[in-house]
Amino acid sequence: MNIDIERCTVGAEHHAVMARALYASLGCSGDFTSWFKAQVKRCGLLEGEDYREVFMKKNGNPRGGRHGANYALTLDAAKHIALVSSSPKGRAYRAHLIAAERELLLRVFRRNADELADLDRRLAAAERAEAESFARASRGASVLSRRPAEKP
C-alpha cells in the first residue's frame, strides 16, 4: 500500500503523487487519460492548485509518437481520489487512511490531555505560591498595625 511521493511543486505544495502511479496502485483498468479526467470532474480538482500536467521523459512512450502525459497531484488530491475509488484497492486505501487519521487524532488528544494536565499542575502551584505570598504579606501588615504609634 505504498505510493511514491516525489519532490514536485504543485500549487503551494512541494511534494506530489504521480497520477499514473496512483492509477496503477488502485488497480484501475482502461484508458488512463479518461480515468484521470473523470477523477478531476468527480473530485472537483483544479489545475494548478490540485494537480499539474508533467510530461514523461523521452523514450517514455515505447510505441513512439507524442510522449504520454502524467499529472502531479497534491497529497490531498491523491488522498481524495483514493478515498472515492470503488476498486478493492481503493477500499483498502480508504480503510488504511481512516485508521491512520484515527490514530493521529488519538495521539493529538492524548498529547493535548497531557499538556492540559501539566498546565493545571503549574496553575495550581502558581496559585498556591500566590496565596502563600499574600498570607505572608498580610501577616506582616497585621504586625505593623499592632505596633504603638511613634511619637513625633
N, C-alpha and C. Protein backbone atom coordinates (compact mmCIF):
# COMPACT_ATOMS: atom_id res chain seq x y z
N MET A 1 0.83 -1.19 0.00
CA MET A 1 0.00 0.00 0.00
C MET A 1 0.87 1.25 0.00
N ASN A 2 1.96 1.18 -0.72
CA ASN A 2 2.87 2.32 -0.79
C ASN A 2 2.79 2.97 -2.16
N ILE A 3 2.76 4.29 -2.16
CA ILE A 3 2.82 5.06 -3.39
C ILE A 3 3.96 6.04 -3.20
N ASP A 4 4.82 6.13 -4.20
CA ASP A 4 5.95 7.05 -4.10
C ASP A 4 5.49 8.49 -4.06
N ILE A 5 6.09 9.25 -3.16
CA ILE A 5 5.86 10.69 -3.09
C ILE A 5 7.10 11.36 -3.64
N GLU A 6 6.91 12.23 -4.60
CA GLU A 6 8.04 12.85 -5.28
C GLU A 6 8.13 14.33 -4.95
N ARG A 7 9.34 14.87 -5.08
CA ARG A 7 9.53 16.30 -4.91
C ARG A 7 9.12 16.98 -6.21
N CYS A 8 8.02 17.67 -6.15
CA CYS A 8 7.47 18.33 -7.34
C CYS A 8 6.50 19.39 -6.84
N THR A 9 6.64 20.60 -7.31
CA THR A 9 5.78 21.68 -6.84
C THR A 9 4.44 21.67 -7.58
N VAL A 10 3.37 21.62 -6.80
CA VAL A 10 2.01 21.72 -7.31
C VAL A 10 1.29 22.69 -6.41
N GLY A 11 0.88 23.83 -6.95
CA GLY A 11 0.25 24.84 -6.11
C GLY A 11 1.23 25.27 -5.04
N ALA A 12 0.81 25.21 -3.79
CA ALA A 12 1.66 25.62 -2.68
C ALA A 12 2.46 24.45 -2.11
N GLU A 13 2.21 23.23 -2.58
CA GLU A 13 2.90 22.05 -2.04
C GLU A 13 4.16 21.73 -2.82
N HIS A 14 5.10 21.09 -2.15
CA HIS A 14 6.37 20.72 -2.78
C HIS A 14 6.54 19.21 -2.91
N HIS A 15 5.51 18.47 -2.58
CA HIS A 15 5.54 17.02 -2.72
C HIS A 15 4.29 16.60 -3.49
N ALA A 16 4.43 15.57 -4.30
CA ALA A 16 3.30 15.16 -5.13
C ALA A 16 3.30 13.66 -5.34
N VAL A 17 2.14 13.17 -5.75
CA VAL A 17 1.97 11.78 -6.17
C VAL A 17 1.67 11.83 -7.66
N MET A 18 2.35 11.00 -8.42
CA MET A 18 2.11 10.96 -9.85
C MET A 18 0.81 10.18 -10.11
N ALA A 19 -0.04 10.76 -10.95
CA ALA A 19 -1.36 10.18 -11.21
C ALA A 19 -1.27 8.79 -11.80
N ARG A 20 -0.31 8.55 -12.70
CA ARG A 20 -0.18 7.21 -13.28
C ARG A 20 0.17 6.17 -12.22
N ALA A 21 1.00 6.55 -11.25
CA ALA A 21 1.35 5.62 -10.16
C ALA A 21 0.12 5.34 -9.30
N LEU A 22 -0.68 6.36 -9.03
CA LEU A 22 -1.91 6.18 -8.25
C LEU A 22 -2.88 5.28 -9.01
N TYR A 23 -3.03 5.54 -10.31
CA TYR A 23 -3.90 4.75 -11.18
C TYR A 23 -3.51 3.27 -11.12
N ALA A 24 -2.24 2.99 -11.26
CA ALA A 24 -1.77 1.60 -11.22
C ALA A 24 -1.95 1.00 -9.83
N SER A 25 -1.66 1.79 -8.81
CA SER A 25 -1.75 1.31 -7.44
C SER A 25 -3.19 0.98 -7.04
N LEU A 26 -4.14 1.74 -7.58
CA LEU A 26 -5.55 1.48 -7.28
C LEU A 26 -6.10 0.30 -8.07
N GLY A 27 -5.29 -0.21 -9.01
CA GLY A 27 -5.71 -1.36 -9.80
C GLY A 27 -6.76 -1.00 -10.84
N CYS A 28 -6.70 0.22 -11.33
CA CYS A 28 -7.67 0.66 -12.32
C CYS A 28 -7.33 0.06 -13.69
N SER A 29 -8.35 -0.07 -14.52
CA SER A 29 -8.12 -0.57 -15.89
C SER A 29 -8.73 0.42 -16.86
N GLY A 30 -8.42 0.25 -18.12
CA GLY A 30 -8.94 1.17 -19.13
C GLY A 30 -7.95 2.27 -19.42
N ASP A 31 -8.42 3.26 -20.13
CA ASP A 31 -7.57 4.36 -20.58
C ASP A 31 -7.25 5.30 -19.42
N PHE A 32 -5.96 5.55 -19.20
CA PHE A 32 -5.52 6.43 -18.11
C PHE A 32 -6.09 7.84 -18.26
N THR A 33 -5.99 8.42 -19.46
CA THR A 33 -6.42 9.81 -19.65
C THR A 33 -7.90 9.97 -19.33
N SER A 34 -8.73 9.04 -19.79
CA SER A 34 -10.16 9.10 -19.48
C SER A 34 -10.41 8.97 -17.99
N TRP A 35 -9.68 8.04 -17.35
CA TRP A 35 -9.81 7.86 -15.91
C TRP A 35 -9.45 9.14 -15.18
N PHE A 36 -8.33 9.76 -15.58
CA PHE A 36 -7.88 10.96 -14.88
C PHE A 36 -8.89 12.10 -15.04
N LYS A 37 -9.38 12.30 -16.26
CA LYS A 37 -10.37 13.36 -16.49
C LYS A 37 -11.63 13.12 -15.66
N ALA A 38 -12.04 11.86 -15.54
CA ALA A 38 -13.20 11.53 -14.72
C ALA A 38 -12.95 11.85 -13.24
N GLN A 39 -11.72 11.60 -12.75
CA GLN A 39 -11.39 11.89 -11.36
C GLN A 39 -11.37 13.39 -11.09
N VAL A 40 -10.85 14.15 -12.06
CA VAL A 40 -10.82 15.61 -11.92
C VAL A 40 -12.24 16.13 -11.77
N LYS A 41 -13.14 15.63 -12.62
CA LYS A 41 -14.53 16.07 -12.57
C LYS A 41 -15.21 15.58 -11.29
N ARG A 42 -15.02 14.31 -10.96
CA ARG A 42 -15.66 13.69 -9.79
C ARG A 42 -15.25 14.37 -8.48
N CYS A 43 -13.96 14.72 -8.37
CA CYS A 43 -13.43 15.29 -7.12
C CYS A 43 -13.38 16.82 -7.14
N GLY A 44 -13.70 17.42 -8.27
CA GLY A 44 -13.67 18.88 -8.35
C GLY A 44 -12.26 19.45 -8.24
N LEU A 45 -11.28 18.77 -8.85
CA LEU A 45 -9.89 19.20 -8.75
C LEU A 45 -9.62 20.38 -9.67
N LEU A 46 -8.76 21.27 -9.24
CA LEU A 46 -8.41 22.45 -10.03
C LEU A 46 -6.97 22.36 -10.51
N GLU A 47 -6.80 22.58 -11.83
CA GLU A 47 -5.45 22.55 -12.39
C GLU A 47 -4.64 23.71 -11.83
N GLY A 48 -3.42 23.45 -11.48
CA GLY A 48 -2.54 24.48 -10.91
C GLY A 48 -2.64 24.55 -9.40
N GLU A 49 -3.74 24.06 -8.84
CA GLU A 49 -3.92 24.06 -7.39
C GLU A 49 -3.85 22.65 -6.83
N ASP A 50 -4.56 21.72 -7.48
CA ASP A 50 -4.60 20.33 -7.02
C ASP A 50 -3.73 19.41 -7.86
N TYR A 51 -3.46 19.79 -9.10
CA TYR A 51 -2.64 18.97 -9.99
C TYR A 51 -2.04 19.86 -11.07
N ARG A 52 -1.01 19.31 -11.71
CA ARG A 52 -0.46 19.96 -12.90
C ARG A 52 0.07 18.89 -13.82
N GLU A 53 0.04 19.19 -15.10
CA GLU A 53 0.50 18.23 -16.09
C GLU A 53 2.02 18.21 -16.14
N VAL A 54 2.57 17.03 -16.21
CA VAL A 54 4.01 16.84 -16.39
C VAL A 54 4.18 15.83 -17.51
N PHE A 55 5.25 15.93 -18.24
CA PHE A 55 5.47 15.02 -19.36
C PHE A 55 6.51 13.99 -18.99
N MET A 56 6.29 12.79 -19.46
CA MET A 56 7.24 11.71 -19.18
C MET A 56 8.52 11.96 -19.97
N LYS A 57 9.60 11.43 -19.47
CA LYS A 57 10.90 11.59 -20.12
C LYS A 57 10.87 10.99 -21.51
N LYS A 58 11.81 11.38 -22.33
CA LYS A 58 11.92 10.80 -23.67
C LYS A 58 12.03 9.29 -23.52
N ASN A 59 11.59 8.60 -24.51
CA ASN A 59 11.51 7.14 -24.50
C ASN A 59 10.44 6.65 -23.53
N GLY A 60 9.60 7.58 -23.04
CA GLY A 60 8.54 7.20 -22.12
C GLY A 60 7.39 6.54 -22.86
N ASN A 61 7.28 6.76 -24.15
CA ASN A 61 6.23 6.13 -24.94
C ASN A 61 6.90 5.13 -25.86
N PRO A 62 6.86 3.84 -25.54
CA PRO A 62 7.58 2.83 -26.32
C PRO A 62 7.02 2.66 -27.74
N ARG A 63 5.79 3.10 -27.98
CA ARG A 63 5.20 2.97 -29.31
C ARG A 63 5.51 4.17 -30.20
N GLY A 64 6.28 5.12 -29.71
CA GLY A 64 6.60 6.31 -30.48
C GLY A 64 5.47 7.32 -30.38
N GLY A 65 5.54 8.36 -31.17
CA GLY A 65 4.50 9.38 -31.14
C GLY A 65 4.70 10.33 -29.98
N ARG A 66 3.63 11.04 -29.67
CA ARG A 66 3.68 12.03 -28.59
C ARG A 66 3.97 11.32 -27.27
N HIS A 67 4.80 11.96 -26.46
CA HIS A 67 5.08 11.40 -25.14
C HIS A 67 3.84 11.51 -24.28
N GLY A 68 3.56 10.46 -23.53
CA GLY A 68 2.38 10.45 -22.69
C GLY A 68 2.47 11.47 -21.57
N ALA A 69 1.34 12.01 -21.24
CA ALA A 69 1.28 12.98 -20.15
C ALA A 69 1.07 12.24 -18.83
N ASN A 70 1.53 12.85 -17.79
CA ASN A 70 1.26 12.39 -16.45
C ASN A 70 0.83 13.62 -15.68
N TYR A 71 0.37 13.44 -14.50
CA TYR A 71 -0.10 14.57 -13.70
C TYR A 71 0.47 14.44 -12.30
N ALA A 72 1.01 15.53 -11.80
CA ALA A 72 1.48 15.57 -10.42
C ALA A 72 0.31 16.04 -9.57
N LEU A 73 -0.08 15.22 -8.61
CA LEU A 73 -1.21 15.51 -7.73
C LEU A 73 -0.71 15.94 -6.36
N THR A 74 -1.37 16.91 -5.77
CA THR A 74 -1.04 17.22 -4.37
C THR A 74 -1.38 15.99 -3.54
N LEU A 75 -0.82 15.89 -2.36
CA LEU A 75 -1.11 14.75 -1.50
C LEU A 75 -2.59 14.69 -1.15
N ASP A 76 -3.21 15.86 -0.91
CA ASP A 76 -4.63 15.88 -0.60
C ASP A 76 -5.48 15.42 -1.77
N ALA A 77 -5.11 15.83 -2.99
CA ALA A 77 -5.85 15.40 -4.18
C ALA A 77 -5.73 13.89 -4.37
N ALA A 78 -4.52 13.35 -4.20
CA ALA A 78 -4.32 11.91 -4.34
C ALA A 78 -5.12 11.16 -3.27
N LYS A 79 -5.13 11.68 -2.07
CA LYS A 79 -5.90 11.04 -1.00
C LYS A 79 -7.39 11.08 -1.33
N HIS A 80 -7.86 12.20 -1.84
CA HIS A 80 -9.26 12.34 -2.21
C HIS A 80 -9.64 11.30 -3.27
N ILE A 81 -8.83 11.18 -4.30
CA ILE A 81 -9.11 10.19 -5.35
C ILE A 81 -9.13 8.78 -4.77
N ALA A 82 -8.17 8.46 -3.91
CA ALA A 82 -8.12 7.13 -3.30
C ALA A 82 -9.35 6.88 -2.42
N LEU A 83 -9.80 7.91 -1.71
CA LEU A 83 -10.95 7.75 -0.82
C LEU A 83 -12.25 7.49 -1.58
N VAL A 84 -12.39 8.05 -2.78
CA VAL A 84 -13.63 7.87 -3.53
C VAL A 84 -13.55 6.72 -4.53
N SER A 85 -12.39 6.08 -4.64
CA SER A 85 -12.24 4.98 -5.58
C SER A 85 -13.08 3.79 -5.13
N SER A 86 -13.71 3.14 -6.09
CA SER A 86 -14.56 2.00 -5.76
C SER A 86 -13.87 0.65 -6.01
N SER A 87 -12.59 0.70 -6.36
CA SER A 87 -11.86 -0.56 -6.59
C SER A 87 -11.54 -1.21 -5.25
N PRO A 88 -11.27 -2.50 -5.24
CA PRO A 88 -10.89 -3.17 -3.99
C PRO A 88 -9.68 -2.52 -3.32
N LYS A 89 -8.68 -2.13 -4.12
CA LYS A 89 -7.51 -1.46 -3.53
C LYS A 89 -7.89 -0.08 -3.02
N GLY A 90 -8.82 0.57 -3.70
CA GLY A 90 -9.30 1.88 -3.23
C GLY A 90 -9.97 1.75 -1.87
N ARG A 91 -10.76 0.70 -1.69
CA ARG A 91 -11.40 0.47 -0.39
C ARG A 91 -10.36 0.17 0.69
N ALA A 92 -9.30 -0.57 0.29
CA ALA A 92 -8.22 -0.85 1.25
C ALA A 92 -7.49 0.44 1.63
N TYR A 93 -7.24 1.31 0.63
CA TYR A 93 -6.62 2.60 0.94
C TYR A 93 -7.51 3.42 1.87
N ARG A 94 -8.80 3.43 1.58
CA ARG A 94 -9.74 4.20 2.40
C ARG A 94 -9.69 3.71 3.85
N ALA A 95 -9.74 2.39 4.05
CA ALA A 95 -9.68 1.83 5.40
C ALA A 95 -8.36 2.22 6.07
N HIS A 96 -7.27 2.14 5.33
CA HIS A 96 -5.95 2.49 5.88
C HIS A 96 -5.89 3.98 6.26
N LEU A 97 -6.38 4.85 5.38
CA LEU A 97 -6.34 6.29 5.66
C LEU A 97 -7.22 6.66 6.85
N ILE A 98 -8.38 6.04 6.95
CA ILE A 98 -9.28 6.31 8.08
C ILE A 98 -8.63 5.85 9.38
N ALA A 99 -8.03 4.67 9.36
CA ALA A 99 -7.35 4.16 10.57
C ALA A 99 -6.17 5.05 10.95
N ALA A 100 -5.41 5.50 9.95
CA ALA A 100 -4.26 6.38 10.22
C ALA A 100 -4.72 7.71 10.80
N GLU A 101 -5.81 8.25 10.26
CA GLU A 101 -6.33 9.52 10.78
C GLU A 101 -6.83 9.35 12.21
N ARG A 102 -7.50 8.23 12.49
CA ARG A 102 -8.00 7.97 13.85
C ARG A 102 -6.83 7.88 14.83
N GLU A 103 -5.76 7.17 14.44
CA GLU A 103 -4.58 7.04 15.30
C GLU A 103 -3.93 8.39 15.55
N LEU A 104 -3.83 9.20 14.50
CA LEU A 104 -3.25 10.53 14.63
C LEU A 104 -4.07 11.39 15.60
N LEU A 105 -5.38 11.36 15.44
CA LEU A 105 -6.25 12.14 16.33
C LEU A 105 -6.11 11.68 17.79
N LEU A 106 -6.04 10.36 17.98
CA LEU A 106 -5.86 9.85 19.35
C LEU A 106 -4.54 10.34 19.95
N ARG A 107 -3.48 10.33 19.14
CA ARG A 107 -2.18 10.82 19.63
C ARG A 107 -2.26 12.30 19.99
N VAL A 108 -2.92 13.08 19.13
CA VAL A 108 -3.05 14.52 19.40
C VAL A 108 -3.86 14.75 20.66
N PHE A 109 -4.97 14.03 20.81
CA PHE A 109 -5.79 14.20 22.01
C PHE A 109 -5.04 13.79 23.27
N ARG A 110 -4.30 12.68 23.18
CA ARG A 110 -3.51 12.26 24.36
C ARG A 110 -2.46 13.31 24.71
N ARG A 111 -1.75 13.81 23.69
CA ARG A 111 -0.74 14.83 23.94
C ARG A 111 -1.38 16.09 24.51
N ASN A 112 -2.51 16.50 23.95
CA ASN A 112 -3.19 17.69 24.45
C ASN A 112 -3.67 17.46 25.88
N ALA A 113 -4.15 16.25 26.18
CA ALA A 113 -4.60 15.96 27.55
C ALA A 113 -3.42 16.02 28.51
N ASP A 114 -2.26 15.49 28.10
CA ASP A 114 -1.06 15.55 28.94
C ASP A 114 -0.63 17.00 29.16
N GLU A 115 -0.65 17.80 28.08
CA GLU A 115 -0.28 19.22 28.19
C GLU A 115 -1.26 19.96 29.09
N LEU A 116 -2.55 19.63 28.97
CA LEU A 116 -3.56 20.28 29.81
C LEU A 116 -3.36 19.93 31.27
N ALA A 117 -3.06 18.66 31.56
CA ALA A 117 -2.80 18.25 32.94
C ALA A 117 -1.58 18.97 33.49
N ASP A 118 -0.53 19.10 32.68
CA ASP A 118 0.67 19.82 33.10
C ASP A 118 0.34 21.29 33.37
N LEU A 119 -0.44 21.92 32.52
CA LEU A 119 -0.83 23.32 32.75
C LEU A 119 -1.65 23.46 34.02
N ASP A 120 -2.55 22.51 34.29
CA ASP A 120 -3.33 22.54 35.53
C ASP A 120 -2.43 22.45 36.75
N ARG A 121 -1.42 21.55 36.70
CA ARG A 121 -0.49 21.43 37.83
C ARG A 121 0.28 22.73 38.04
N ARG A 122 0.76 23.32 36.93
CA ARG A 122 1.53 24.56 37.03
C ARG A 122 0.66 25.71 37.54
N LEU A 123 -0.59 25.77 37.09
CA LEU A 123 -1.51 26.81 37.55
C LEU A 123 -1.80 26.65 39.04
N ALA A 124 -2.03 25.42 39.48
CA ALA A 124 -2.29 25.17 40.90
C ALA A 124 -1.08 25.56 41.74
N ALA A 125 0.13 25.25 41.28
CA ALA A 125 1.35 25.62 42.02
C ALA A 125 1.49 27.13 42.07
N ALA A 126 1.20 27.82 40.96
CA ALA A 126 1.29 29.28 40.94
C ALA A 126 0.25 29.89 41.88
N GLU A 127 -0.96 29.32 41.92
CA GLU A 127 -2.00 29.83 42.82
C GLU A 127 -1.61 29.62 44.27
N ARG A 128 -1.01 28.46 44.61
CA ARG A 128 -0.55 28.22 45.98
C ARG A 128 0.54 29.21 46.37
N ALA A 129 1.50 29.43 45.45
CA ALA A 129 2.59 30.37 45.73
C ALA A 129 2.03 31.78 45.93
N GLU A 130 1.06 32.16 45.13
CA GLU A 130 0.46 33.49 45.28
C GLU A 130 -0.29 33.60 46.60
N ALA A 131 -1.01 32.55 46.99
CA ALA A 131 -1.75 32.56 48.26
C ALA A 131 -0.78 32.65 49.44
N GLU A 132 0.34 31.90 49.38
CA GLU A 132 1.33 31.96 50.45
C GLU A 132 1.96 33.34 50.53
N SER A 133 2.24 33.92 49.40
CA SER A 133 2.82 35.26 49.36
C SER A 133 1.86 36.28 49.94
N PHE A 134 0.59 36.16 49.60
CA PHE A 134 -0.44 37.07 50.12
C PHE A 134 -0.57 36.89 51.63
N ALA A 135 -0.52 35.64 52.11
CA ALA A 135 -0.64 35.37 53.55
C ALA A 135 0.55 35.98 54.29
N ARG A 136 1.77 35.84 53.74
CA ARG A 136 2.94 36.44 54.39
C ARG A 136 2.81 37.96 54.44
N ALA A 137 2.36 38.53 53.35
CA ALA A 137 2.21 39.99 53.30
C ALA A 137 1.14 40.44 54.28
N SER A 138 0.08 39.68 54.41
CA SER A 138 -1.00 40.03 55.35
C SER A 138 -0.52 39.93 56.79
N ARG A 139 0.27 38.90 57.12
CA ARG A 139 0.80 38.77 58.48
C ARG A 139 1.72 39.94 58.80
N GLY A 140 2.51 40.33 57.82
CA GLY A 140 3.41 41.46 58.04
C GLY A 140 2.64 42.76 58.25
N ALA A 141 1.55 42.95 57.55
CA ALA A 141 0.74 44.16 57.71
C ALA A 141 0.07 44.17 59.06
N SER A 142 -0.37 43.00 59.57
CA SER A 142 -1.04 42.97 60.87
C SER A 142 -0.04 43.22 61.99
N VAL A 143 1.20 42.78 61.83
CA VAL A 143 2.24 43.04 62.83
C VAL A 143 2.50 44.53 62.90
N LEU A 144 2.57 45.18 61.75
CA LEU A 144 2.81 46.63 61.72
C LEU A 144 1.66 47.39 62.34
N SER A 145 0.44 46.92 62.16
CA SER A 145 -0.71 47.65 62.70
C SER A 145 -0.80 47.51 64.22
N ARG A 146 -0.18 46.49 64.85
CA ARG A 146 -0.22 46.32 66.29
C ARG A 146 0.85 47.11 67.01
N ARG A 147 1.83 47.62 66.33
CA ARG A 147 2.87 48.41 66.99
C ARG A 147 2.31 49.74 67.44
N PRO A 148 2.75 50.21 68.57
CA PRO A 148 2.29 51.52 69.02
C PRO A 148 2.83 52.61 68.09
N ALA A 149 2.06 53.59 67.89
CA ALA A 149 2.46 54.68 67.02
C ALA A 149 3.63 55.42 67.65
N GLU A 150 4.58 55.78 66.84
CA GLU A 150 5.74 56.52 67.34
C GLU A 150 5.36 57.97 67.54
N LYS A 151 5.93 58.57 68.60
CA LYS A 151 5.63 59.97 68.89
C LYS A 151 6.60 60.83 68.11
N PRO A 152 6.11 61.90 67.58
CA PRO A 152 7.00 62.78 66.83
C PRO A 152 7.89 63.62 67.68
